[in-house]
């Protein structure tokens, strides 16, 4: 994983870019799981959403890390 990426002459932490890239993925999966009714079957829905976001974020970092 790169530490910093130059974006228009400004050094941006790479984790910020991974975070911004994982947000649309999370929104798609969140909407899909809401339509299925998955969140009605879990005990704490916000915690499940947070776990889903962490899984997507970490998978994105691990798959693109070099």
PDB file of N, CA and C in Angstrom:
ATOM      1  N   UNK A   1       0.837  -1.168   0.000  1.00  0.00           N
ATOM      2  CA  UNK A   1       0.000   0.000   0.000  1.00  0.00           C
ATOM      3  C   UNK A   1       0.889   1.241   0.000  1.00  0.00           C
ATOM      4  N   UNK A   2       0.569   2.148  -0.868  1.00  0.00           N
ATOM      5  CA  UNK A   2       1.326   3.392  -0.902  1.00  0.00           C
ATOM      6  C   UNK A   2       0.914   4.275   0.273  1.00  0.00           C
ATOM      7  N   UNK A   3       1.852   5.016   0.765  1.00  0.00           N
ATOM      8  CA  UNK A   3       1.540   5.881   1.899  1.00  0.00           C
ATOM      9  C   UNK A   3       0.822   7.144   1.464  1.00  0.00           C
ATOM     10  N   UNK A   4       1.303   7.778   0.411  1.00  0.00           N
ATOM     11  CA  UNK A   4       0.719   9.028  -0.066  1.00  0.00           C
ATOM     12  C   UNK A   4       0.663   9.015  -1.580  1.00  0.00           C
ATOM     13  N   UNK A   5      -0.331   9.694  -2.116  1.00  0.00           N
ATOM     14  CA  UNK A   5      -0.496   9.804  -3.556  1.00  0.00           C
ATOM     15  C   UNK A   5      -0.587  11.280  -3.894  1.00  0.00           C
ATOM     16  N   UNK A   6       0.155  11.692  -4.904  1.00  0.00           N
ATOM     17  CA  UNK A   6       0.112  13.084  -5.342  1.00  0.00           C
ATOM     18  C   UNK A   6      -1.129  13.290  -6.196  1.00  0.00           C
ATOM     19  N   UNK A   7      -2.018  14.160  -5.749  1.00  0.00           N
ATOM     20  CA  UNK A   7      -3.267  14.447  -6.445  1.00  0.00           C
ATOM     21  C   UNK A   7      -3.339  15.948  -6.676  1.00  0.00           C
ATOM     22  N   UNK A   8      -3.109  16.354  -7.928  1.00  0.00           N
ATOM     23  CA  UNK A   8      -3.074  17.771  -8.303  1.00  0.00           C
ATOM     24  C   UNK A   8      -2.036  18.547  -7.497  1.00  0.00           C
ATOM     25  N   UNK A   9      -0.922  17.925  -7.240  1.00  0.00           N
ATOM     26  CA  UNK A   9       0.168  18.577  -6.531  1.00  0.00           C
ATOM     27  C   UNK A   9       0.037  18.526  -5.021  1.00  0.00           C
ATOM     28  N   UNK A  10      -0.981  17.874  -4.507  1.00  0.00           N
ATOM     29  CA  UNK A  10      -1.191  17.764  -3.063  1.00  0.00           C
ATOM     30  C   UNK A  10      -1.042  16.302  -2.677  1.00  0.00           C
ATOM     31  N   UNK A  11      -0.278  16.055  -1.623  1.00  0.00           N
ATOM     32  CA  UNK A  11      -0.105  14.684  -1.146  1.00  0.00           C
ATOM     33  C   UNK A  11      -1.317  14.288  -0.305  1.00  0.00           C
ATOM     34  N   UNK A  12      -1.990  13.235  -0.739  1.00  0.00           N
ATOM     35  CA  UNK A  12      -3.201  12.753  -0.078  1.00  0.00           C
ATOM     36  C   UNK A  12      -2.916  11.357   0.454  1.00  0.00           C
ATOM     37  N   UNK A  13      -3.297  11.069   1.687  1.00  0.00           N
ATOM     38  CA  UNK A  13      -3.109   9.711   2.200  1.00  0.00           C
ATOM     39  C   UNK A  13      -3.904   8.709   1.360  1.00  0.00           C
ATOM     40  N   UNK A  14      -3.309   7.588   1.073  1.00  0.00           N
ATOM     41  CA  UNK A  14      -3.971   6.606   0.214  1.00  0.00           C
ATOM     42  C   UNK A  14      -5.199   6.008   0.881  1.00  0.00           C
ATOM     43  N   UNK A  15      -5.216   5.957   2.200  1.00  0.00           N
ATOM     44  CA  UNK A  15      -6.388   5.423   2.895  1.00  0.00           C
ATOM     45  C   UNK A  15      -7.620   6.290   2.667  1.00  0.00           C
ATOM     46  N   UNK A  16      -7.441   7.578   2.489  1.00  0.00           N
ATOM     47  CA  UNK A  16      -8.570   8.449   2.186  1.00  0.00           C
ATOM     48  C   UNK A  16      -9.172   8.103   0.833  1.00  0.00           C
ATOM     49  N   UNK A  17      -8.342   7.822  -0.143  1.00  0.00           N
ATOM     50  CA  UNK A  17      -8.849   7.450  -1.461  1.00  0.00           C
ATOM     51  C   UNK A  17      -9.539   6.094  -1.426  1.00  0.00           C
ATOM     52  N   UNK A  18      -8.998   5.150  -0.657  1.00  0.00           N
ATOM     53  CA  UNK A  18      -9.657   3.858  -0.493  1.00  0.00           C
ATOM     54  C   UNK A  18     -11.009   4.025   0.208  1.00  0.00           C
ATOM     55  N   UNK A  19     -11.049   4.905   1.186  1.00  0.00           N
ATOM     56  CA  UNK A  19     -12.290   5.177   1.908  1.00  0.00           C
ATOM     57  C   UNK A  19     -13.344   5.747   0.963  1.00  0.00           C
ATOM     58  N   UNK A  20     -12.940   6.712   0.139  1.00  0.00           N
ATOM     59  CA  UNK A  20     -13.883   7.316  -0.798  1.00  0.00           C
ATOM     60  C   UNK A  20     -14.322   6.342  -1.885  1.00  0.00           C
ATOM     61  N   UNK A  21     -13.464   5.423  -2.246  1.00  0.00           N
ATOM     62  CA  UNK A  21     -13.825   4.422  -3.251  1.00  0.00           C
ATOM     63  C   UNK A  21     -14.749   3.357  -2.674  1.00  0.00           C
ATOM     64  N   UNK A  22     -14.647   3.091  -1.381  1.00  0.00           N
ATOM     65  CA  UNK A  22     -15.488   2.054  -0.786  1.00  0.00           C
ATOM     66  C   UNK A  22     -16.880   2.567  -0.426  1.00  0.00           C
ATOM     67  N   UNK A  23     -17.080   3.875  -0.370  1.00  0.00           N
ATOM     68  CA  UNK A  23     -18.403   4.411  -0.058  1.00  0.00           C
ATOM     69  C   UNK A  23     -19.465   4.028  -1.079  1.00  0.00           C
ATOM     70  N   UNK A  24     -19.240   4.194  -2.393  1.00  0.00           N
ATOM     71  CA  UNK A  24     -20.275   3.769  -3.347  1.00  0.00           C
ATOM     72  C   UNK A  24     -20.549   2.264  -3.302  1.00  0.00           C
ATOM     73  N   UNK A  25     -19.502   1.468  -3.084  1.00  0.00           N
ATOM     74  CA  UNK A  25     -19.706   0.029  -2.943  1.00  0.00           C
ATOM     75  C   UNK A  25     -20.594  -0.282  -1.742  1.00  0.00           C
ATOM     76  N   UNK A  26     -20.339   0.410  -0.653  1.00  0.00           N
ATOM     77  CA  UNK A  26     -21.143   0.201   0.546  1.00  0.00           C
ATOM     78  C   UNK A  26     -22.597   0.590   0.309  1.00  0.00           C
ATOM     79  N   UNK A  27     -22.821   1.689  -0.374  1.00  0.00           N
ATOM     80  CA  UNK A  27     -24.194   2.128  -0.616  1.00  0.00           C
ATOM     81  C   UNK A  27     -24.962   1.129  -1.473  1.00  0.00           C
ATOM     82  N   UNK A  28     -24.290   0.541  -2.453  1.00  0.00           N
ATOM     83  CA  UNK A  28     -24.937  -0.465  -3.299  1.00  0.00           C
ATOM     84  C   UNK A  28     -25.286  -1.707  -2.484  1.00  0.00           C
ATOM     85  N   UNK A  29     -24.323  -2.219  -1.711  1.00  0.00           N
ATOM     86  CA  UNK A  29     -24.572  -3.409  -0.902  1.00  0.00           C
ATOM     87  C   UNK A  29     -25.601  -3.136   0.191  1.00  0.00           C
ATOM     88  N   UNK A  30     -25.570  -1.940   0.767  1.00  0.00           N
ATOM     89  CA  UNK A  30     -26.518  -1.582   1.816  1.00  0.00           C
ATOM     90  C   UNK A  30     -27.944  -1.555   1.268  1.00  0.00           C
ATOM     91  N   UNK A  31     -28.122  -0.970   0.106  1.00  0.00           N
ATOM     92  CA  UNK A  31     -29.452  -0.928  -0.496  1.00  0.00           C
ATOM     93  C   UNK A  31     -29.934  -2.335  -0.857  1.00  0.00           C
ATOM     94  N   UNK A  32     -29.029  -3.151  -1.361  1.00  0.00           N
ATOM     95  CA  UNK A  32     -29.386  -4.527  -1.709  1.00  0.00           C
ATOM     96  C   UNK A  32     -29.799  -5.326  -0.470  1.00  0.00           C
ATOM     97  N   UNK A  33     -29.028  -5.215   0.585  1.00  0.00           N
ATOM     98  CA  UNK A  33     -29.351  -5.947   1.812  1.00  0.00           C
ATOM     99  C   UNK A  33     -30.614  -5.414   2.481  1.00  0.00           C
ATOM    100  N   UNK A  34     -30.898  -4.126   2.322  1.00  0.00           N
ATOM    101  CA  UNK A  34     -32.134  -3.566   2.871  1.00  0.00           C
ATOM    102  C   UNK A  34     -33.348  -4.109   2.130  1.00  0.00           C
ATOM    103  N   UNK A  35     -33.250  -4.217   0.820  1.00  0.00           N
ATOM    104  CA  UNK A  35     -34.370  -4.743   0.038  1.00  0.00           C
ATOM    105  C   UNK A  35     -34.634  -6.216   0.336  1.00  0.00           C
ATOM    106  N   UNK A  36     -33.573  -6.961   0.580  1.00  0.00           N
ATOM    107  CA  UNK A  36     -33.726  -8.378   0.905  1.00  0.00           C
ATOM    108  C   UNK A  36     -34.350  -8.547   2.290  1.00  0.00           C
ATOM    109  N   UNK A  37     -34.109  -7.580   3.179  1.00  0.00           N
ATOM    110  CA  UNK A  37     -34.606  -7.678   4.545  1.00  0.00           C
ATOM    111  C   UNK A  37     -33.598  -8.272   5.501  1.00  0.00           C
ATOM    112  N   UNK A  38     -32.338  -8.187   5.138  1.00  0.00           N
ATOM    113  CA  UNK A  38     -31.273  -8.755   5.970  1.00  0.00           C
ATOM    114  C   UNK A  38     -31.180  -8.058   7.319  1.00  0.00           C
ATOM    115  N   UNK A  39     -31.385  -6.747   7.361  1.00  0.00           N
ATOM    116  CA  UNK A  39     -31.198  -6.000   8.602  1.00  0.00           C
ATOM    117  C   UNK A  39     -32.290  -6.275   9.629  1.00  0.00           C
ATOM    118  N   UNK A  40     -33.396  -6.863   9.213  1.00  0.00           N
ATOM    119  CA  UNK A  40     -34.432  -7.247  10.167  1.00  0.00           C
ATOM    120  C   UNK A  40     -34.050  -8.516  10.916  1.00  0.00           C
ATOM    121  N   UNK A  41     -33.111  -9.263  10.380  1.00  0.00           N
ATOM    122  CA  UNK A  41     -32.728 -10.520  11.021  1.00  0.00           C
ATOM    123  C   UNK A  41     -31.483 -10.400  11.900  1.00  0.00           C
ATOM    124  N   UNK A  42     -30.847  -9.247  11.926  1.00  0.00           N
ATOM    125  CA  UNK A  42     -29.675  -9.071  12.789  1.00  0.00           C
ATOM    126  C   UNK A  42     -30.088  -8.329  14.057  1.00  0.00           C
ATOM    127  N   UNK A  43     -29.315  -8.506  15.099  1.00  0.00           N
ATOM    128  CA  UNK A  43     -29.660  -7.915  16.387  1.00  0.00           C
ATOM    129  C   UNK A  43     -29.425  -6.410  16.401  1.00  0.00           C
ATOM    130  N   UNK A  44     -28.310  -5.975  15.845  1.00  0.00           N
ATOM    131  CA  UNK A  44     -27.945  -4.557  15.877  1.00  0.00           C
ATOM    132  C   UNK A  44     -27.587  -4.122  14.454  1.00  0.00           C
ATOM    133  N   UNK A  45     -28.536  -3.520  13.763  1.00  0.00           N
ATOM    134  CA  UNK A  45     -28.358  -3.183  12.348  1.00  0.00           C
ATOM    135  C   UNK A  45     -27.224  -2.188  12.090  1.00  0.00           C
ATOM    136  N   UNK A  46     -27.074  -1.119  12.899  1.00  0.00           N
ATOM    137  CA  UNK A  46     -25.951  -0.206  12.635  1.00  0.00           C
ATOM    138  C   UNK A  46     -24.589  -0.884  12.770  1.00  0.00           C
ATOM    139  N   UNK A  47     -24.475  -1.819  13.692  1.00  0.00           N
ATOM    140  CA  UNK A  47     -23.219  -2.542  13.847  1.00  0.00           C
ATOM    141  C   UNK A  47     -22.962  -3.452  12.648  1.00  0.00           C
ATOM    142  N   UNK A  48     -24.015  -4.047  12.114  1.00  0.00           N
ATOM    143  CA  UNK A  48     -23.873  -4.871  10.916  1.00  0.00           C
ATOM    144  C   UNK A  48     -23.469  -4.019   9.717  1.00  0.00           C
ATOM    145  N   UNK A  49     -24.018  -2.817   9.620  1.00  0.00           N
ATOM    146  CA  UNK A  49     -23.647  -1.902   8.529  1.00  0.00           C
ATOM    147  C   UNK A  49     -22.186  -1.473   8.654  1.00  0.00           C
ATOM    148  N   UNK A  50     -21.768  -1.198   9.874  1.00  0.00           N
ATOM    149  CA  UNK A  50     -20.372  -0.824  10.092  1.00  0.00           C
ATOM    150  C   UNK A  50     -19.433  -1.969   9.742  1.00  0.00           C
ATOM    151  N   UNK A  51     -19.806  -3.170  10.116  1.00  0.00           N
ATOM    152  CA  UNK A  51     -19.009  -4.353   9.779  1.00  0.00           C
ATOM    153  C   UNK A  51     -18.936  -4.573   8.282  1.00  0.00           C
ATOM    154  N   UNK A  52     -20.050  -4.350   7.585  1.00  0.00           N
ATOM    155  CA  UNK A  52     -20.064  -4.463   6.134  1.00  0.00           C
ATOM    156  C   UNK A  52     -19.116  -3.451   5.499  1.00  0.00           C
ATOM    157  N   UNK A  53     -19.151  -2.211   6.001  1.00  0.00           N
ATOM    158  CA  UNK A  53     -18.253  -1.195   5.463  1.00  0.00           C
ATOM    159  C   UNK A  53     -16.792  -1.553   5.719  1.00  0.00           C
ATOM    160  N   UNK A  54     -16.492  -2.040   6.910  1.00  0.00           N
ATOM    161  CA  UNK A  54     -15.112  -2.426   7.210  1.00  0.00           C
ATOM    162  C   UNK A  54     -14.640  -3.566   6.325  1.00  0.00           C
ATOM    163  N   UNK A  55     -15.514  -4.521   6.062  1.00  0.00           N
ATOM    164  CA  UNK A  55     -15.146  -5.635   5.179  1.00  0.00           C
ATOM    165  C   UNK A  55     -14.876  -5.147   3.760  1.00  0.00           C
ATOM    166  N   UNK A  56     -15.728  -4.273   3.254  1.00  0.00           N
ATOM    167  CA  UNK A  56     -15.523  -3.740   1.906  1.00  0.00           C
ATOM    168  C   UNK A  56     -14.244  -2.910   1.829  1.00  0.00           C
ATOM    169  N   UNK A  57     -14.031  -2.089   2.827  1.00  0.00           N
ATOM    170  CA  UNK A  57     -12.840  -1.224   2.868  1.00  0.00           C
ATOM    171  C   UNK A  57     -11.570  -2.059   2.926  1.00  0.00           C
ATOM    172  N   UNK A  58     -11.546  -3.059   3.788  1.00  0.00           N
ATOM    173  CA  UNK A  58     -10.336  -3.864   3.927  1.00  0.00           C
ATOM    174  C   UNK A  58     -10.095  -4.733   2.685  1.00  0.00           C
ATOM    175  N   UNK A  59     -11.156  -5.233   2.085  1.00  0.00           N
ATOM    176  CA  UNK A  59     -10.985  -6.007   0.841  1.00  0.00           C
ATOM    177  C   UNK A  59     -10.439  -5.136  -0.272  1.00  0.00           C
ATOM    178  N   UNK A  60     -10.919  -3.904  -0.355  1.00  0.00           N
ATOM    179  CA  UNK A  60     -10.423  -2.992  -1.377  1.00  0.00           C
ATOM    180  C   UNK A  60      -8.937  -2.685  -1.161  1.00  0.00           C
ATOM    181  N   UNK A  61      -8.552  -2.464   0.076  1.00  0.00           N
ATOM    182  CA  UNK A  61      -7.131  -2.178   0.383  1.00  0.00           C
ATOM    183  C   UNK A  61      -6.265  -3.391   0.076  1.00  0.00           C
ATOM    184  N   UNK A  62      -6.724  -4.574   0.473  1.00  0.00           N
ATOM    185  CA  UNK A  62      -5.920  -5.770   0.261  1.00  0.00           C
ATOM    186  C   UNK A  62      -5.827  -6.170  -1.214  1.00  0.00           C
ATOM    187  N   UNK A  63      -6.889  -5.962  -1.966  1.00  0.00           N
ATOM    188  CA  UNK A  63      -6.869  -6.338  -3.373  1.00  0.00           C
ATOM    189  C   UNK A  63      -6.054  -5.375  -4.232  1.00  0.00           C
ATOM    190  N   UNK A  64      -6.002  -4.110  -3.866  1.00  0.00           N
ATOM    191  CA  UNK A  64      -5.277  -3.136  -4.667  1.00  0.00           C
ATOM    192  C   UNK A  64      -3.918  -2.786  -4.090  1.00  0.00           C
ATOM    193  N   UNK A  65      -3.597  -3.271  -2.916  1.00  0.00           N
ATOM    194  CA  UNK A  65      -2.335  -2.947  -2.273  1.00  0.00           C
ATOM    195  C   UNK A  65      -1.145  -3.545  -3.005  1.00  0.00           C
ATOM    196  N   UNK A  66      -0.102  -2.754  -3.111  1.00  0.00           N
ATOM    197  CA  UNK A  66       1.112  -3.257  -3.735  1.00  0.00           C
ATOM    198  C   UNK A  66       2.349  -2.699  -3.048  1.00  0.00           C
TER     199      UNK A  66
END
